[in-house]
């Protein structure tokens, strides 16, 4: 793997940004799990800027869409941004173990 310069990375991003939207077929439950993973990544103190904003906007858009299919989903997703609703990991889940 070749390390890209900042300029090369930005040029690749510009090319991706110029493409038509990508359509993916993903089960709704998987999308919900991806939202949770994005929310976890957004809690990192250094994760800010345009990509973090894009992730938050994507989460809101998808959560509203899912709420139209299963009412209450949007509110549940919003809880994922609020640490008061954090749940401890199950005792059986060891560090580094993938979710089932």
PDB file of N, CA and C in Angstrom:
ATOM      1  N   UNK A   1       0.852  -1.169   0.000  1.00  0.00           N
ATOM      2  CA  UNK A   1       0.000   0.000   0.000  1.00  0.00           C
ATOM      3  C   UNK A   1       0.898   1.232   0.000  1.00  0.00           C
ATOM      4  N   UNK A   2       0.574   2.138  -0.870  1.00  0.00           N
ATOM      5  CA  UNK A   2       1.333   3.389  -1.009  1.00  0.00           C
ATOM      6  C   UNK A   2       0.706   4.475  -0.141  1.00  0.00           C
ATOM      7  N   UNK A   3       1.538   5.190   0.581  1.00  0.00           N
ATOM      8  CA  UNK A   3       1.044   6.312   1.395  1.00  0.00           C
ATOM      9  C   UNK A   3       0.814   7.505   0.476  1.00  0.00           C
ATOM     10  N   UNK A   4      -0.369   8.097   0.578  1.00  0.00           N
ATOM     11  CA  UNK A   4      -0.718   9.245  -0.254  1.00  0.00           C
ATOM     12  C   UNK A   4      -0.399  10.545   0.465  1.00  0.00           C
ATOM     13  N   UNK A   5      -0.059  11.545  -0.304  1.00  0.00           N
ATOM     14  CA  UNK A   5       0.119  12.871   0.265  1.00  0.00           C
ATOM     15  C   UNK A   5      -1.249  13.468   0.557  1.00  0.00           C
ATOM     16  N   UNK A   6      -1.262  14.543   1.312  1.00  0.00           N
ATOM     17  CA  UNK A   6      -2.523  15.222   1.602  1.00  0.00           C
ATOM     18  C   UNK A   6      -3.181  15.690   0.306  1.00  0.00           C
ATOM     19  N   UNK A   7      -2.384  16.215  -0.610  1.00  0.00           N
ATOM     20  CA  UNK A   7      -2.920  16.692  -1.894  1.00  0.00           C
ATOM     21  C   UNK A   7      -3.519  15.542  -2.699  1.00  0.00           C
ATOM     22  N   UNK A   8      -2.849  14.398  -2.712  1.00  0.00           N
ATOM     23  CA  UNK A   8      -3.371  13.235  -3.443  1.00  0.00           C
ATOM     24  C   UNK A   8      -4.666  12.744  -2.813  1.00  0.00           C
ATOM     25  N   UNK A   9      -4.711  12.749  -1.488  1.00  0.00           N
ATOM     26  CA  UNK A   9      -5.928  12.337  -0.785  1.00  0.00           C
ATOM     27  C   UNK A   9      -7.086  13.273  -1.107  1.00  0.00           C
ATOM     28  N   UNK A  10      -6.814  14.570  -1.098  1.00  0.00           N
ATOM     29  CA  UNK A  10      -7.863  15.543  -1.414  1.00  0.00           C
ATOM     30  C   UNK A  10      -8.354  15.383  -2.849  1.00  0.00           C
ATOM     31  N   UNK A  11      -7.455  15.100  -3.766  1.00  0.00           N
ATOM     32  CA  UNK A  11      -7.853  14.897  -5.158  1.00  0.00           C
ATOM     33  C   UNK A  11      -8.744  13.663  -5.286  1.00  0.00           C
ATOM     34  N   UNK A  12      -8.400  12.588  -4.597  1.00  0.00           N
ATOM     35  CA  UNK A  12      -9.266  11.400  -4.622  1.00  0.00           C
ATOM     36  C   UNK A  12     -10.637  11.731  -4.043  1.00  0.00           C
ATOM     37  N   UNK A  13     -10.663  12.502  -2.967  1.00  0.00           N
ATOM     38  CA  UNK A  13     -11.936  12.898  -2.371  1.00  0.00           C
ATOM     39  C   UNK A  13     -12.763  13.716  -3.355  1.00  0.00           C
ATOM     40  N   UNK A  14     -12.130  14.644  -4.046  1.00  0.00           N
ATOM     41  CA  UNK A  14     -12.851  15.458  -5.045  1.00  0.00           C
ATOM     42  C   UNK A  14     -13.456  14.572  -6.132  1.00  0.00           C
ATOM     43  N   UNK A  15     -12.700  13.573  -6.566  1.00  0.00           N
ATOM     44  CA  UNK A  15     -13.213  12.655  -7.592  1.00  0.00           C
ATOM     45  C   UNK A  15     -14.407  11.865  -7.068  1.00  0.00           C
ATOM     46  N   UNK A  16     -14.317  11.395  -5.828  1.00  0.00           N
ATOM     47  CA  UNK A  16     -15.441  10.664  -5.230  1.00  0.00           C
ATOM     48  C   UNK A  16     -16.651  11.577  -5.078  1.00  0.00           C
ATOM     49  N   UNK A  17     -16.416  12.810  -4.685  1.00  0.00           N
ATOM     50  CA  UNK A  17     -17.492  13.764  -4.470  1.00  0.00           C
ATOM     51  C   UNK A  17     -18.220  14.088  -5.776  1.00  0.00           C
ATOM     52  N   UNK A  18     -17.532  13.965  -6.903  1.00  0.00           N
ATOM     53  CA  UNK A  18     -18.136  14.270  -8.201  1.00  0.00           C
ATOM     54  C   UNK A  18     -18.982  13.120  -8.745  1.00  0.00           C
ATOM     55  N   UNK A  19     -18.882  11.953  -8.154  1.00  0.00           N
ATOM     56  CA  UNK A  19     -19.631  10.792  -8.629  1.00  0.00           C
ATOM     57  C   UNK A  19     -21.106  10.882  -8.238  1.00  0.00           C
ATOM     58  N   UNK A  20     -21.920  10.122  -8.942  1.00  0.00           N
ATOM     59  CA  UNK A  20     -23.334  10.011  -8.594  1.00  0.00           C
ATOM     60  C   UNK A  20     -23.458   9.321  -7.229  1.00  0.00           C
ATOM     61  N   UNK A  21     -24.564   9.548  -6.527  1.00  0.00           N
ATOM     62  CA  UNK A  21     -24.757   8.875  -5.234  1.00  0.00           C
ATOM     63  C   UNK A  21     -24.668   7.359  -5.384  1.00  0.00           C
ATOM     64  N   UNK A  22     -24.193   6.726  -4.337  1.00  0.00           N
ATOM     65  CA  UNK A  22     -24.065   5.273  -4.308  1.00  0.00           C
ATOM     66  C   UNK A  22     -25.317   4.694  -3.660  1.00  0.00           C
ATOM     67  N   UNK A  23     -25.870   3.683  -4.266  1.00  0.00           N
ATOM     68  CA  UNK A  23     -27.028   3.003  -3.704  1.00  0.00           C
ATOM     69  C   UNK A  23     -26.575   1.639  -3.192  1.00  0.00           C
ATOM     70  N   UNK A  24     -26.850   1.378  -1.929  1.00  0.00           N
ATOM     71  CA  UNK A  24     -26.509   0.102  -1.315  1.00  0.00           C
ATOM     72  C   UNK A  24     -27.775  -0.596  -0.854  1.00  0.00           C
ATOM     73  N   UNK A  25     -27.780  -1.904  -0.918  1.00  0.00           N
ATOM     74  CA  UNK A  25     -28.893  -2.680  -0.395  1.00  0.00           C
ATOM     75  C   UNK A  25     -28.382  -3.372   0.874  1.00  0.00           C
ATOM     76  N   UNK A  26     -28.836  -2.858   2.018  1.00  0.00           N
ATOM     77  CA  UNK A  26     -28.368  -3.341   3.311  1.00  0.00           C
ATOM     78  C   UNK A  26     -29.593  -3.566   4.192  1.00  0.00           C
ATOM     79  N   UNK A  27     -29.662  -4.682   4.905  1.00  0.00           N
ATOM     80  CA  UNK A  27     -30.787  -4.886   5.816  1.00  0.00           C
ATOM     81  C   UNK A  27     -30.893  -3.735   6.832  1.00  0.00           C
ATOM     82  N   UNK A  28     -32.111  -3.363   7.147  1.00  0.00           N
ATOM     83  CA  UNK A  28     -32.349  -2.237   8.049  1.00  0.00           C
ATOM     84  C   UNK A  28     -31.664  -2.441   9.395  1.00  0.00           C
ATOM     85  N   UNK A  29     -31.644  -3.652   9.910  1.00  0.00           N
ATOM     86  CA  UNK A  29     -30.998  -3.903  11.199  1.00  0.00           C
ATOM     87  C   UNK A  29     -29.497  -3.661  11.112  1.00  0.00           C
ATOM     88  N   UNK A  30     -28.886  -3.973   9.973  1.00  0.00           N
ATOM     89  CA  UNK A  30     -27.455  -3.715   9.792  1.00  0.00           C
ATOM     90  C   UNK A  30     -27.211  -2.208   9.740  1.00  0.00           C
ATOM     91  N   UNK A  31     -28.080  -1.479   9.062  1.00  0.00           N
ATOM     92  CA  UNK A  31     -27.960  -0.020   9.015  1.00  0.00           C
ATOM     93  C   UNK A  31     -28.047   0.550  10.430  1.00  0.00           C
ATOM     94  N   UNK A  32     -28.962   0.026  11.220  1.00  0.00           N
ATOM     95  CA  UNK A  32     -29.110   0.486  12.602  1.00  0.00           C
ATOM     96  C   UNK A  32     -27.813   0.238  13.382  1.00  0.00           C
ATOM     97  N   UNK A  33     -27.206  -0.922  13.184  1.00  0.00           N
ATOM     98  CA  UNK A  33     -25.930  -1.217  13.851  1.00  0.00           C
ATOM     99  C   UNK A  33     -24.824  -0.292  13.369  1.00  0.00           C
ATOM    100  N   UNK A  34     -24.804   0.026  12.082  1.00  0.00           N
ATOM    101  CA  UNK A  34     -23.806   0.953  11.549  1.00  0.00           C
ATOM    102  C   UNK A  34     -23.976   2.344  12.154  1.00  0.00           C
ATOM    103  N   UNK A  35     -25.216   2.744  12.367  1.00  0.00           N
ATOM    104  CA  UNK A  35     -25.472   4.023  13.035  1.00  0.00           C
ATOM    105  C   UNK A  35     -24.819   4.017  14.414  1.00  0.00           C
ATOM    106  N   UNK A  36     -25.005   2.945  15.151  1.00  0.00           N
ATOM    107  CA  UNK A  36     -24.407   2.845  16.484  1.00  0.00           C
ATOM    108  C   UNK A  36     -22.891   2.913  16.440  1.00  0.00           C
ATOM    109  N   UNK A  37     -22.292   2.268  15.453  1.00  0.00           N
ATOM    110  CA  UNK A  37     -20.837   2.313  15.327  1.00  0.00           C
ATOM    111  C   UNK A  37     -20.365   3.729  14.991  1.00  0.00           C
ATOM    112  N   UNK A  38     -21.110   4.414  14.135  1.00  0.00           N
ATOM    113  CA  UNK A  38     -20.772   5.816  13.814  1.00  0.00           C
ATOM    114  C   UNK A  38     -20.907   6.692  15.043  1.00  0.00           C
ATOM    115  N   UNK A  39     -21.958   6.477  15.817  1.00  0.00           N
ATOM    116  CA  UNK A  39     -22.141   7.268  17.031  1.00  0.00           C
ATOM    117  C   UNK A  39     -20.976   7.045  17.997  1.00  0.00           C
ATOM    118  N   UNK A  40     -20.528   5.825  18.104  1.00  0.00           N
ATOM    119  CA  UNK A  40     -19.391   5.531  18.971  1.00  0.00           C
ATOM    120  C   UNK A  40     -18.146   6.257  18.472  1.00  0.00           C
ATOM    121  N   UNK A  41     -17.907   6.221  17.175  1.00  0.00           N
ATOM    122  CA  UNK A  41     -16.749   6.919  16.602  1.00  0.00           C
ATOM    123  C   UNK A  41     -16.850   8.427  16.812  1.00  0.00           C
ATOM    124  N   UNK A  42     -18.058   8.962  16.753  1.00  0.00           N
ATOM    125  CA  UNK A  42     -18.244  10.402  16.928  1.00  0.00           C
ATOM    126  C   UNK A  42     -17.954  10.859  18.352  1.00  0.00           C
ATOM    127  N   UNK A  43     -17.902   9.935  19.294  1.00  0.00           N
ATOM    128  CA  UNK A  43     -17.584  10.305  20.680  1.00  0.00           C
ATOM    129  C   UNK A  43     -16.093  10.534  20.885  1.00  0.00           C
ATOM    130  N   UNK A  44     -15.278  10.107  19.947  1.00  0.00           N
ATOM    131  CA  UNK A  44     -13.839  10.320  20.104  1.00  0.00           C
ATOM    132  C   UNK A  44     -13.567  11.817  20.124  1.00  0.00           C
ATOM    133  N   UNK A  45     -12.807  12.294  21.095  1.00  0.00           N
ATOM    134  CA  UNK A  45     -12.611  13.738  21.229  1.00  0.00           C
ATOM    135  C   UNK A  45     -11.935  14.410  20.040  1.00  0.00           C
ATOM    136  N   UNK A  46     -11.199  13.658  19.238  1.00  0.00           N
ATOM    137  CA  UNK A  46     -10.531  14.255  18.071  1.00  0.00           C
ATOM    138  C   UNK A  46     -11.348  14.117  16.791  1.00  0.00           C
ATOM    139  N   UNK A  47     -12.513  13.513  16.897  1.00  0.00           N
ATOM    140  CA  UNK A  47     -13.330  13.288  15.697  1.00  0.00           C
ATOM    141  C   UNK A  47     -14.288  14.458  15.510  1.00  0.00           C
ATOM    142  N   UNK A  48     -13.832  15.448  14.760  1.00  0.00           N
ATOM    143  CA  UNK A  48     -14.652  16.621  14.474  1.00  0.00           C
ATOM    144  C   UNK A  48     -14.297  17.096  13.078  1.00  0.00           C
ATOM    145  N   UNK A  49     -15.009  18.060  12.608  1.00  0.00           N
ATOM    146  CA  UNK A  49     -14.733  18.583  11.275  1.00  0.00           C
ATOM    147  C   UNK A  49     -15.740  18.080  10.256  1.00  0.00           C
ATOM    148  N   UNK A  50     -15.421  18.248   8.976  1.00  0.00           N
ATOM    149  CA  UNK A  50     -16.380  17.935   7.910  1.00  0.00           C
ATOM    150  C   UNK A  50     -16.840  16.480   7.873  1.00  0.00           C
ATOM    151  N   UNK A  51     -15.936  15.537   8.124  1.00  0.00           N
ATOM    152  CA  UNK A  51     -16.363  14.138   8.056  1.00  0.00           C
ATOM    153  C   UNK A  51     -17.280  13.782   9.224  1.00  0.00           C
ATOM    154  N   UNK A  52     -17.028  14.343  10.397  1.00  0.00           N
ATOM    155  CA  UNK A  52     -17.913  14.102  11.534  1.00  0.00           C
ATOM    156  C   UNK A  52     -19.285  14.715  11.283  1.00  0.00           C
ATOM    157  N   UNK A  53     -19.299  15.904  10.706  1.00  0.00           N
ATOM    158  CA  UNK A  53     -20.574  16.547  10.373  1.00  0.00           C
ATOM    159  C   UNK A  53     -21.336  15.713   9.345  1.00  0.00           C
ATOM    160  N   UNK A  54     -20.640  15.207   8.348  1.00  0.00           N
ATOM    161  CA  UNK A  54     -21.284  14.362   7.332  1.00  0.00           C
ATOM    162  C   UNK A  54     -21.859  13.103   7.969  1.00  0.00           C
ATOM    163  N   UNK A  55     -21.137  12.513   8.917  1.00  0.00           N
ATOM    164  CA  UNK A  55     -21.633  11.310   9.594  1.00  0.00           C
ATOM    165  C   UNK A  55     -22.892  11.619  10.385  1.00  0.00           C
ATOM    166  N   UNK A  56     -22.890  12.738  11.102  1.00  0.00           N
ATOM    167  CA  UNK A  56     -24.086  13.122  11.873  1.00  0.00           C
ATOM    168  C   UNK A  56     -25.282  13.373  10.949  1.00  0.00           C
ATOM    169  N   UNK A  57     -25.036  14.021   9.827  1.00  0.00           N
ATOM    170  CA  UNK A  57     -26.122  14.277   8.882  1.00  0.00           C
ATOM    171  C   UNK A  57     -26.643  12.970   8.290  1.00  0.00           C
ATOM    172  N   UNK A  58     -25.741  12.045   7.985  1.00  0.00           N
ATOM    173  CA  UNK A  58     -26.153  10.740   7.451  1.00  0.00           C
ATOM    174  C   UNK A  58     -26.992  10.000   8.484  1.00  0.00           C
ATOM    175  N   UNK A  59     -26.541  10.021   9.737  1.00  0.00           N
ATOM    176  CA  UNK A  59     -27.288   9.341  10.798  1.00  0.00           C
ATOM    177  C   UNK A  59     -28.698   9.912  10.904  1.00  0.00           C
ATOM    178  N   UNK A  60     -28.816  11.233  10.906  1.00  0.00           N
ATOM    179  CA  UNK A  60     -30.143  11.841  11.035  1.00  0.00           C
ATOM    180  C   UNK A  60     -31.032  11.479   9.845  1.00  0.00           C
ATOM    181  N   UNK A  61     -30.477  11.544   8.643  1.00  0.00           N
ATOM    182  CA  UNK A  61     -31.263  11.226   7.449  1.00  0.00           C
ATOM    183  C   UNK A  61     -31.746   9.778   7.479  1.00  0.00           C
ATOM    184  N   UNK A  62     -30.858   8.865   7.799  1.00  0.00           N
ATOM    185  CA  UNK A  62     -31.231   7.446   7.820  1.00  0.00           C
ATOM    186  C   UNK A  62     -32.191   7.154   8.968  1.00  0.00           C
ATOM    187  N   UNK A  63     -31.961   7.790  10.126  1.00  0.00           N
ATOM    188  CA  UNK A  63     -32.850   7.564  11.268  1.00  0.00           C
ATOM    189  C   UNK A  63     -34.263   8.039  10.960  1.00  0.00           C
ATOM    190  N   UNK A  64     -34.386   9.162  10.278  1.00  0.00           N
ATOM    191  CA  UNK A  64     -35.727   9.649   9.904  1.00  0.00           C
ATOM    192  C   UNK A  64     -36.389   8.691   8.907  1.00  0.00           C
ATOM    193  N   UNK A  65     -35.605   8.171   7.977  1.00  0.00           N
ATOM    194  CA  UNK A  65     -36.146   7.203   7.013  1.00  0.00           C
ATOM    195  C   UNK A  65     -36.629   5.947   7.754  1.00  0.00           C
ATOM    196  N   UNK A  66     -35.786   5.413   8.636  1.00  0.00           N
ATOM    197  CA  UNK A  66     -36.168   4.211   9.379  1.00  0.00           C
ATOM    198  C   UNK A  66     -37.367   4.464  10.277  1.00  0.00           C
ATOM    199  N   UNK A  67     -37.480   5.689  10.822  1.00  0.00           N
ATOM    200  CA  UNK A  67     -38.615   6.031  11.664  1.00  0.00           C
ATOM    201  C   UNK A  67     -39.922   5.982  10.876  1.00  0.00           C
ATOM    202  N   UNK A  68     -39.850   6.274   9.586  1.00  0.00           N
ATOM    203  CA  UNK A  68     -41.032   6.158   8.737  1.00  0.00           C
ATOM    204  C   UNK A  68     -41.469   4.714   8.548  1.00  0.00           C
ATOM    205  N   UNK A  69     -40.535   3.795   8.710  1.00  0.00           N
ATOM    206  CA  UNK A  69     -40.847   2.362   8.588  1.00  0.00           C
ATOM    207  C   UNK A  69     -41.202   1.751   9.933  1.00  0.00           C
ATOM    208  N   UNK A  70     -40.467   2.159  10.961  1.00  0.00           N
ATOM    209  CA  UNK A  70     -40.691   1.659  12.320  1.00  0.00           C
ATOM    210  C   UNK A  70     -40.701   2.870  13.248  1.00  0.00           C
ATOM    211  N   UNK A  71     -41.898   3.403  13.536  1.00  0.00           N
ATOM    212  CA  UNK A  71     -41.988   4.587  14.388  1.00  0.00           C
ATOM    213  C   UNK A  71     -41.271   4.374  15.727  1.00  0.00           C
ATOM    214  N   UNK A  72     -40.561   5.399  16.146  1.00  0.00           N
ATOM    215  CA  UNK A  72     -39.798   5.333  17.383  1.00  0.00           C
ATOM    216  C   UNK A  72     -38.305   5.152  17.146  1.00  0.00           C
ATOM    217  N   UNK A  73     -37.948   4.761  15.923  1.00  0.00           N
ATOM    218  CA  UNK A  73     -36.538   4.527  15.610  1.00  0.00           C
ATOM    219  C   UNK A  73     -35.728   5.807  15.739  1.00  0.00           C
ATOM    220  N   UNK A  74     -36.266   6.932  15.277  1.00  0.00           N
ATOM    221  CA  UNK A  74     -35.522   8.195  15.354  1.00  0.00           C
ATOM    222  C   UNK A  74     -35.183   8.527  16.796  1.00  0.00           C
ATOM    223  N   UNK A  75     -36.156   8.399  17.694  1.00  0.00           N
ATOM    224  CA  UNK A  75     -35.910   8.696  19.106  1.00  0.00           C
ATOM    225  C   UNK A  75     -34.867   7.750  19.693  1.00  0.00           C
ATOM    226  N   UNK A  76     -34.928   6.485  19.322  1.00  0.00           N
ATOM    227  CA  UNK A  76     -33.958   5.516  19.807  1.00  0.00           C
ATOM    228  C   UNK A  76     -32.552   5.879  19.328  1.00  0.00           C
ATOM    229  N   UNK A  77     -32.429   6.280  18.083  1.00  0.00           N
ATOM    230  CA  UNK A  77     -31.129   6.693  17.553  1.00  0.00           C
ATOM    231  C   UNK A  77     -30.628   7.925  18.291  1.00  0.00           C
ATOM    232  N   UNK A  78     -31.502   8.875  18.572  1.00  0.00           N
ATOM    233  CA  UNK A  78     -31.088  10.082  19.298  1.00  0.00           C
ATOM    234  C   UNK A  78     -30.557   9.734  20.687  1.00  0.00           C
ATOM    235  N   UNK A  79     -31.095   8.691  21.293  1.00  0.00           N
ATOM    236  CA  UNK A  79     -30.597   8.256  22.592  1.00  0.00           C
ATOM    237  C   UNK A  79     -29.132   7.840  22.501  1.00  0.00           C
ATOM    238  N   UNK A  80     -28.712   7.367  21.333  1.00  0.00           N
ATOM    239  CA  UNK A  80     -27.323   6.956  21.143  1.00  0.00           C
ATOM    240  C   UNK A  80     -26.334   8.110  21.184  1.00  0.00           C
ATOM    241  N   UNK A  81     -26.823   9.333  21.079  1.00  0.00           N
ATOM    242  CA  UNK A  81     -25.964  10.516  21.199  1.00  0.00           C
ATOM    243  C   UNK A  81     -25.902  11.034  22.635  1.00  0.00           C
ATOM    244  N   UNK A  82     -26.696  10.457  23.515  1.00  0.00           N
ATOM    245  CA  UNK A  82     -26.815  10.942  24.892  1.00  0.00           C
ATOM    246  C   UNK A  82     -26.246   9.898  25.849  1.00  0.00           C
ATOM    247  N   UNK A  83     -25.137  10.238  26.487  1.00  0.00           N
ATOM    248  CA  UNK A  83     -24.462   9.305  27.385  1.00  0.00           C
ATOM    249  C   UNK A  83     -25.313   8.820  28.549  1.00  0.00           C
ATOM    250  N   UNK A  84     -26.386   9.540  28.865  1.00  0.00           N
ATOM    251  CA  UNK A  84     -27.259   9.085  29.960  1.00  0.00           C
ATOM    252  C   UNK A  84     -27.924   7.752  29.645  1.00  0.00           C
ATOM    253  N   UNK A  85     -27.956   7.393  28.354  1.00  0.00           N
ATOM    254  CA  UNK A  85     -28.609   6.153  27.962  1.00  0.00           C
ATOM    255  C   UNK A  85     -27.609   5.035  27.668  1.00  0.00           C
ATOM    256  N   UNK A  86     -26.326   5.252  27.967  1.00  0.00           N
ATOM    257  CA  UNK A  86     -25.323   4.216  27.732  1.00  0.00           C
ATOM    258  C   UNK A  86     -25.649   2.971  28.544  1.00  0.00           C
ATOM    259  N   UNK A  87     -25.361   1.848  27.969  1.00  0.00           N
ATOM    260  CA  UNK A  87     -25.564   0.571  28.632  1.00  0.00           C
ATOM    261  C   UNK A  87     -24.205  -0.095  28.814  1.00  0.00           C
ATOM    262  N   UNK A  88     -23.969  -0.718  29.963  1.00  0.00           N
ATOM    263  CA  UNK A  88     -22.694  -1.416  30.136  1.00  0.00           C
ATOM    264  C   UNK A  88     -22.631  -2.642  29.218  1.00  0.00           C
ATOM    265  N   UNK A  89     -21.413  -2.978  28.818  1.00  0.00           N
ATOM    266  CA  UNK A  89     -21.229  -4.179  27.999  1.00  0.00           C
ATOM    267  C   UNK A  89     -21.573  -5.396  28.850  1.00  0.00           C
ATOM    268  N   UNK A  90     -22.155  -6.432  28.228  1.00  0.00           N
ATOM    269  CA  UNK A  90     -22.452  -7.660  28.993  1.00  0.00           C
ATOM    270  C   UNK A  90     -21.173  -8.210  29.615  1.00  0.00           C
ATOM    271  N   UNK A  91     -21.288  -8.807  30.804  1.00  0.00           N
ATOM    272  CA  UNK A  91     -20.126  -9.350  31.503  1.00  0.00           C
ATOM    273  C   UNK A  91     -19.425 -10.415  30.665  1.00  0.00           C
ATOM    274  N   UNK A  92     -20.171 -11.094  29.819  1.00  0.00           N
ATOM    275  CA  UNK A  92     -19.584 -12.166  29.012  1.00  0.00           C
ATOM    276  C   UNK A  92     -18.795 -11.632  27.828  1.00  0.00           C
ATOM    277  N   UNK A  93     -18.945 -10.356  27.517  1.00  0.00           N
ATOM    278  CA  UNK A  93     -18.252  -9.769  26.357  1.00  0.00           C
ATOM    279  C   UNK A  93     -16.859  -9.335  26.782  1.00  0.00           C
ATOM    280  N   UNK A  94     -15.854 -10.004  26.234  1.00  0.00           N
ATOM    281  CA  UNK A  94     -14.483  -9.674  26.579  1.00  0.00           C
ATOM    282  C   UNK A  94     -13.985  -8.562  25.682  1.00  0.00           C
ATOM    283  N   UNK A  95     -12.976  -7.841  26.154  1.00  0.00           N
ATOM    284  CA  UNK A  95     -12.406  -6.762  25.370  1.00  0.00           C
ATOM    285  C   UNK A  95     -11.910  -7.305  24.023  1.00  0.00           C
ATOM    286  N   UNK A  96     -12.303  -6.633  22.960  1.00  0.00           N
ATOM    287  CA  UNK A  96     -11.883  -7.040  21.625  1.00  0.00           C
ATOM    288  C   UNK A  96     -12.783  -8.072  20.973  1.00  0.00           C
ATOM    289  N   UNK A  97     -13.723  -8.614  21.713  1.00  0.00           N
ATOM    290  CA  UNK A  97     -14.629  -9.606  21.150  1.00  0.00           C
ATOM    291  C   UNK A  97     -15.665  -8.913  20.291  1.00  0.00           C
ATOM    292  N   UNK A  98     -15.892  -9.434  19.094  1.00  0.00           N
ATOM    293  CA  UNK A  98     -16.855  -8.838  18.170  1.00  0.00           C
ATOM    294  C   UNK A  98     -18.272  -9.063  18.670  1.00  0.00           C
ATOM    295  N   UNK A  99     -19.147  -8.106  18.339  1.00  0.00           N
ATOM    296  CA  UNK A  99     -20.568  -8.267  18.656  1.00  0.00           C
ATOM    297  C   UNK A  99     -21.133  -9.418  17.868  1.00  0.00           C
ATOM    298  N   UNK A 100     -22.079 -10.101  18.468  1.00  0.00           N
ATOM    299  CA  UNK A 100     -22.735 -11.213  17.764  1.00  0.00           C
ATOM    300  C   UNK A 100     -23.802 -10.695  16.845  1.00  0.00           C
TER     301      UNK A 100
END
